[in-house]
Amino acid sequence: MRLTNSIVAFAIAASLPVVALAGVRDPGLNHRQASHQARIPQGASAGELTRGEAHRLAADQWHVWREDRAHESDGKLTQDERKDLHGDLRVASRSIYEAKHDVERRF
């Protein structure tokens, strides 16, 4: 009985930080942003992106990051804000794909 109560108490205590961050952080957004930030230098080093394309795409990522921070500044990330950010990331992902697969190459 005491062991069960200890386990329940530990589980509740361990979940509190996750619950506290649930309104501010979106792991899906963070993962997508990190993925995009990795795709740009990879495309540049592989010669798929020109220097100008890489700079433009990095600037797009910076704007999405700033918007994310602005939305999170009040301590809440509403469903509409999440939807807006996911839409921005969808557009940014498409831009990265198109730039990497166009005819412009860095030689």
Protein backbone atom coordinates (compact mmCIF):
# COMPACT_ATOMS: atom_id res chain seq x y z
CA MET A 1 0.00 0.00 0.00
CA ARG A 2 2.76 2.46 0.91
CA LEU A 3 4.69 1.48 -2.22
CA THR A 4 1.63 2.12 -4.40
CA ASN A 5 1.06 5.53 -2.81
CA SER A 6 4.73 6.38 -3.31
CA ILE A 7 4.56 5.40 -6.98
CA VAL A 8 1.40 7.46 -7.54
CA ALA A 9 2.90 10.45 -5.74
CA PHE A 10 6.08 10.17 -7.80
CA ALA A 11 4.11 9.91 -11.06
CA ILE A 12 2.10 13.02 -10.20
CA ALA A 13 5.20 14.98 -9.20
CA ALA A 14 7.04 13.90 -12.36
CA SER A 15 4.18 14.98 -14.61
CA LEU A 16 3.82 18.49 -13.15
CA PRO A 17 6.64 20.08 -15.17
CA VAL A 18 5.21 18.56 -18.36
CA VAL A 19 1.75 19.92 -17.59
CA ALA A 20 3.18 23.34 -16.79
CA LEU A 21 4.94 23.52 -20.17
CA ALA A 22 2.06 22.08 -22.16
CA GLY A 23 0.55 25.50 -22.80
CA VAL A 24 3.81 27.05 -23.96
CA ARG A 25 5.83 24.44 -25.82
CA ASP A 26 4.83 22.36 -28.80
CA PRO A 27 7.35 19.56 -29.39
CA GLY A 28 6.06 19.13 -32.93
CA LEU A 29 6.85 22.75 -33.74
CA ASN A 30 10.27 22.54 -32.15
CA HIS A 31 11.07 19.33 -34.05
CA ARG A 32 9.99 20.83 -37.38
CA GLN A 33 12.02 23.97 -36.78
CA ALA A 34 15.12 21.92 -35.96
CA SER A 35 14.56 19.78 -39.04
CA HIS A 36 14.30 22.84 -41.27
CA GLN A 37 17.40 24.37 -39.74
CA ALA A 38 19.31 21.16 -40.53
CA ARG A 39 18.05 20.91 -44.13
CA ILE A 40 19.34 24.34 -45.15
CA PRO A 41 23.07 23.84 -44.41
CA GLN A 42 22.84 20.28 -45.73
CA GLY A 43 21.46 21.59 -49.02
CA ALA A 44 24.12 24.30 -49.20
CA SER A 45 26.98 21.88 -48.53
CA ALA A 46 25.60 19.41 -51.09
CA GLY A 47 25.47 22.16 -53.72
CA GLU A 48 21.67 22.02 -53.99
CA LEU A 49 21.29 25.59 -52.72
CA THR A 50 23.04 28.73 -53.85
CA ARG A 51 24.39 31.09 -51.24
CA GLY A 52 21.49 33.49 -51.84
CA GLU A 53 18.90 30.74 -51.50
CA ALA A 54 20.46 29.53 -48.26
CA HIS A 55 20.46 33.06 -46.83
CA ARG A 56 16.83 33.65 -47.84
CA LEU A 57 15.69 30.33 -46.38
CA ALA A 58 17.61 30.97 -43.15
CA ALA A 59 15.95 34.40 -42.90
CA ASP A 60 12.55 32.73 -43.34
CA GLN A 61 13.38 30.38 -40.47
CA TRP A 62 14.47 33.30 -38.33
CA HIS A 63 11.12 35.04 -38.94
CA VAL A 64 9.20 31.89 -37.97
CA TRP A 65 11.35 31.58 -34.83
CA ARG A 66 10.64 35.23 -33.90
CA GLU A 67 6.92 34.71 -34.43
CA ASP A 68 7.06 31.58 -32.26
CA ARG A 69 8.75 33.54 -29.46
CA ALA A 70 6.22 36.36 -29.79
CA HIS A 71 3.33 33.90 -29.49
CA GLU A 72 4.93 32.25 -26.45
CA SER A 73 5.77 35.54 -24.73
CA ASP A 74 2.48 35.61 -22.79
CA GLY A 75 3.09 32.11 -21.45
CA LYS A 76 0.40 30.52 -23.61
CA LEU A 77 0.42 29.08 -27.09
CA THR A 78 -3.20 29.01 -28.23
CA GLN A 79 -4.58 26.61 -30.80
CA ASP A 80 -4.83 29.44 -33.34
CA GLU A 81 -1.19 30.39 -32.72
CA ARG A 82 -0.13 26.76 -33.16
CA LYS A 83 -2.11 26.55 -36.37
CA ASP A 84 -0.49 29.76 -37.64
CA LEU A 85 3.01 28.53 -36.82
CA HIS A 86 2.41 25.11 -38.41
CA GLY A 87 1.15 26.89 -41.53
CA ASP A 88 4.27 29.07 -41.62
CA LEU A 89 6.45 25.99 -41.23
CA ARG A 90 4.53 24.21 -43.99
CA VAL A 91 5.26 27.14 -46.35
CA ALA A 92 8.91 27.23 -45.24
CA SER A 93 9.29 23.49 -45.79
CA ARG A 94 7.88 23.80 -49.28
CA SER A 95 10.27 26.69 -50.00
CA ILE A 96 13.24 24.60 -48.86
CA TYR A 97 12.12 21.68 -51.03
CA GLU A 98 11.60 23.85 -54.10
CA ALA A 99 14.95 25.62 -53.68
CA LYS A 100 16.79 22.33 -53.23
CA HIS A 101 15.15 20.81 -56.33
CA ASP A 102 15.28 23.73 -58.74
CA VAL A 103 17.83 24.06 -61.56
CA GLU A 104 20.04 26.51 -59.66
CA ARG A 105 23.11 24.80 -58.29
CA ARG A 106 26.23 25.93 -56.53
CA PHE A 107 29.33 24.62 -58.27
